[in-house]
Amino acid sequence: MVSAHNNPWAKRDAWRYEGQFSRLNRFRNAFPGLGIAIVAFTAYVGFENLVLNKGKEEHGHEHEEHH
């Protein structure tokens, strides 16, 4: 393996691992709307469970089958 002192291209390759091209920033930029989508989906599921299913619980006993 070539060390950084012997690698003539080390200085030119340094930009790949700093700033906007760091591993974390590349991951963040790969999915730009993921955070907003997760929040919106969580809010929708919470709304559905709290508000929309209330009506089903009140009328749920009318359609039970007895064997």
N, C-alpha and C. Protein backbone atom coordinates (compact mmCIF):
# COMPACT_ATOMS: atom_id res chain seq x y z
N MET A 1 0.84 -1.18 0.00
CA MET A 1 0.00 0.00 0.00
C MET A 1 0.89 1.25 0.00
N VAL A 2 0.50 2.24 -0.70
CA VAL A 2 1.28 3.47 -0.83
C VAL A 2 0.86 4.45 0.26
N SER A 3 1.82 4.99 0.99
CA SER A 3 1.49 5.96 2.03
C SER A 3 1.24 7.33 1.41
N ALA A 4 0.70 8.23 2.22
CA ALA A 4 0.37 9.57 1.73
C ALA A 4 1.61 10.36 1.36
N HIS A 5 2.73 10.05 1.99
CA HIS A 5 3.96 10.79 1.70
C HIS A 5 4.54 10.40 0.35
N ASN A 6 4.32 9.18 -0.07
CA ASN A 6 4.87 8.70 -1.34
C ASN A 6 3.89 8.83 -2.50
N ASN A 7 2.66 9.18 -2.21
CA ASN A 7 1.63 9.27 -3.23
C ASN A 7 1.63 10.68 -3.82
N PRO A 8 2.00 10.83 -5.08
CA PRO A 8 2.01 12.16 -5.68
C PRO A 8 0.60 12.72 -5.90
N TRP A 9 -0.42 11.88 -5.91
CA TRP A 9 -1.78 12.32 -6.15
C TRP A 9 -2.56 12.56 -4.86
N ALA A 10 -1.95 12.37 -3.71
CA ALA A 10 -2.66 12.51 -2.43
C ALA A 10 -3.24 13.91 -2.25
N LYS A 11 -2.49 14.91 -2.64
CA LYS A 11 -2.97 16.28 -2.50
C LYS A 11 -4.17 16.54 -3.42
N ARG A 12 -4.12 15.98 -4.59
CA ARG A 12 -5.21 16.20 -5.55
C ARG A 12 -6.46 15.39 -5.20
N ASP A 13 -6.30 14.29 -4.49
CA ASP A 13 -7.45 13.47 -4.10
C ASP A 13 -8.06 13.89 -2.77
N ALA A 14 -7.45 14.81 -2.07
CA ALA A 14 -7.93 15.21 -0.74
C ALA A 14 -9.33 15.81 -0.80
N TRP A 15 -9.71 16.48 -1.87
CA TRP A 15 -11.02 17.12 -1.98
C TRP A 15 -12.16 16.10 -1.94
N ARG A 16 -11.87 14.85 -2.28
CA ARG A 16 -12.93 13.84 -2.29
C ARG A 16 -13.45 13.51 -0.90
N TYR A 17 -12.66 13.78 0.12
CA TYR A 17 -13.01 13.36 1.47
C TYR A 17 -13.31 14.53 2.39
N GLU A 18 -13.40 15.74 1.86
CA GLU A 18 -13.66 16.92 2.67
C GLU A 18 -14.83 17.71 2.10
N GLY A 19 -15.42 18.53 2.93
CA GLY A 19 -16.46 19.46 2.49
C GLY A 19 -17.70 18.78 1.95
N GLN A 20 -18.17 19.25 0.83
CA GLN A 20 -19.42 18.74 0.28
C GLN A 20 -19.31 17.32 -0.26
N PHE A 21 -18.11 16.79 -0.39
CA PHE A 21 -17.94 15.44 -0.91
C PHE A 21 -17.62 14.43 0.19
N SER A 22 -17.81 14.80 1.44
CA SER A 22 -17.57 13.85 2.53
C SER A 22 -18.63 12.75 2.47
N ARG A 23 -18.38 11.67 3.14
CA ARG A 23 -19.29 10.52 3.10
C ARG A 23 -20.67 10.88 3.61
N LEU A 24 -20.74 11.65 4.69
CA LEU A 24 -22.03 12.05 5.26
C LEU A 24 -22.80 12.95 4.30
N ASN A 25 -22.14 13.91 3.71
CA ASN A 25 -22.82 14.81 2.78
C ASN A 25 -23.26 14.10 1.51
N ARG A 26 -22.50 13.13 1.05
CA ARG A 26 -22.94 12.37 -0.12
C ARG A 26 -24.20 11.59 0.19
N PHE A 27 -24.31 11.03 1.40
CA PHE A 27 -25.52 10.30 1.78
C PHE A 27 -26.71 11.24 1.90
N ARG A 28 -26.50 12.41 2.51
CA ARG A 28 -27.59 13.38 2.66
C ARG A 28 -28.10 13.85 1.30
N ASN A 29 -27.21 14.09 0.38
CA ASN A 29 -27.60 14.59 -0.93
C ASN A 29 -28.19 13.51 -1.83
N ALA A 30 -27.99 12.25 -1.49
CA ALA A 30 -28.54 11.17 -2.30
C ALA A 30 -30.07 11.09 -2.14
N PHE A 31 -30.57 11.43 -0.95
CA PHE A 31 -32.01 11.38 -0.68
C PHE A 31 -32.47 12.73 -0.13
N PRO A 32 -32.61 13.75 -0.97
CA PRO A 32 -32.88 15.10 -0.47
C PRO A 32 -34.23 15.27 0.20
N GLY A 33 -35.25 14.54 -0.16
CA GLY A 33 -36.57 14.72 0.43
C GLY A 33 -36.94 13.66 1.44
N LEU A 34 -35.98 12.82 1.83
CA LEU A 34 -36.30 11.70 2.71
C LEU A 34 -36.78 12.17 4.08
N GLY A 35 -36.16 13.17 4.66
CA GLY A 35 -36.56 13.66 5.98
C GLY A 35 -37.98 14.20 5.98
N ILE A 36 -38.31 15.00 4.98
CA ILE A 36 -39.66 15.56 4.87
C ILE A 36 -40.68 14.45 4.63
N ALA A 37 -40.32 13.47 3.83
CA ALA A 37 -41.23 12.36 3.55
C ALA A 37 -41.52 11.54 4.80
N ILE A 38 -40.50 11.30 5.61
CA ILE A 38 -40.70 10.52 6.84
C ILE A 38 -41.62 11.27 7.80
N VAL A 39 -41.42 12.57 7.94
CA VAL A 39 -42.27 13.37 8.83
C VAL A 39 -43.70 13.40 8.31
N ALA A 40 -43.89 13.59 7.02
CA ALA A 40 -45.24 13.63 6.45
C ALA A 40 -45.94 12.28 6.59
N PHE A 41 -45.23 11.20 6.36
CA PHE A 41 -45.83 9.87 6.48
C PHE A 41 -46.21 9.57 7.93
N THR A 42 -45.34 9.94 8.87
CA THR A 42 -45.64 9.72 10.28
C THR A 42 -46.86 10.53 10.71
N ALA A 43 -46.95 11.76 10.25
CA ALA A 43 -48.11 12.60 10.58
C ALA A 43 -49.39 12.00 10.00
N TYR A 44 -49.33 11.49 8.78
CA TYR A 44 -50.51 10.90 8.15
C TYR A 44 -50.96 9.65 8.90
N VAL A 45 -50.02 8.79 9.26
CA VAL A 45 -50.38 7.56 9.97
C VAL A 45 -50.96 7.90 11.34
N GLY A 46 -50.38 8.88 12.02
CA GLY A 46 -50.92 9.30 13.31
C GLY A 46 -52.32 9.87 13.18
N PHE A 47 -52.55 10.70 12.18
CA PHE A 47 -53.88 11.26 11.93
C PHE A 47 -54.88 10.16 11.62
N GLU A 48 -54.48 9.22 10.80
CA GLU A 48 -55.38 8.13 10.43
C GLU A 48 -55.75 7.29 11.65
N ASN A 49 -54.79 6.98 12.48
CA ASN A 49 -55.07 6.15 13.65
C ASN A 49 -55.90 6.89 14.70
N LEU A 50 -55.67 8.17 14.88
CA LEU A 50 -56.39 8.90 15.92
C LEU A 50 -57.76 9.38 15.48
N VAL A 51 -57.87 9.90 14.27
CA VAL A 51 -59.11 10.55 13.84
C VAL A 51 -60.00 9.63 13.02
N LEU A 52 -59.45 9.00 12.01
CA LEU A 52 -60.28 8.24 11.09
C LEU A 52 -60.76 6.91 11.66
N ASN A 53 -60.03 6.31 12.56
CA ASN A 53 -60.44 5.02 13.13
C ASN A 53 -61.39 5.18 14.31
N LYS A 54 -61.63 6.38 14.79
CA LYS A 54 -62.57 6.58 15.89
C LYS A 54 -63.99 6.16 15.49
N GLY A 55 -64.39 6.48 14.29
CA GLY A 55 -65.72 6.11 13.82
C GLY A 55 -65.89 4.61 13.68
N LYS A 56 -64.85 3.91 13.33
CA LYS A 56 -64.93 2.45 13.19
C LYS A 56 -65.08 1.77 14.54
N GLU A 57 -64.45 2.29 15.58
CA GLU A 57 -64.54 1.68 16.90
C GLU A 57 -65.95 1.81 17.47
N GLU A 58 -66.64 2.90 17.20
CA GLU A 58 -67.97 3.11 17.74
C GLU A 58 -69.00 2.19 17.10
N HIS A 59 -68.82 1.86 15.83
CA HIS A 59 -69.80 1.06 15.11
C HIS A 59 -69.29 -0.35 14.83
N GLY A 60 -68.25 -0.77 15.46
CA GLY A 60 -67.65 -2.06 15.15
C GLY A 60 -68.44 -3.25 15.62
N HIS A 61 -69.31 -3.12 16.62
CA HIS A 61 -70.02 -4.27 17.17
C HIS A 61 -71.24 -4.66 16.36
N GLU A 62 -71.68 -3.85 15.45
CA GLU A 62 -72.89 -4.14 14.69
C GLU A 62 -72.68 -5.25 13.67
N HIS A 63 -71.47 -5.44 13.18
CA HIS A 63 -71.23 -6.37 12.10
C HIS A 63 -70.49 -7.63 12.56
N GLU A 64 -70.52 -7.95 13.84
CA GLU A 64 -69.85 -9.15 14.31
C GLU A 64 -70.67 -10.37 13.95
N GLU A 65 -69.97 -11.43 13.59
CA GLU A 65 -70.64 -12.69 13.28
C GLU A 65 -70.58 -13.58 14.51
N HIS A 66 -71.70 -14.24 14.81
CA HIS A 66 -71.75 -15.16 15.95
C HIS A 66 -71.93 -16.57 15.42
N HIS A 67 -71.05 -17.46 15.88
CA HIS A 67 -71.15 -18.86 15.42
C HIS A 67 -71.64 -19.72 16.53
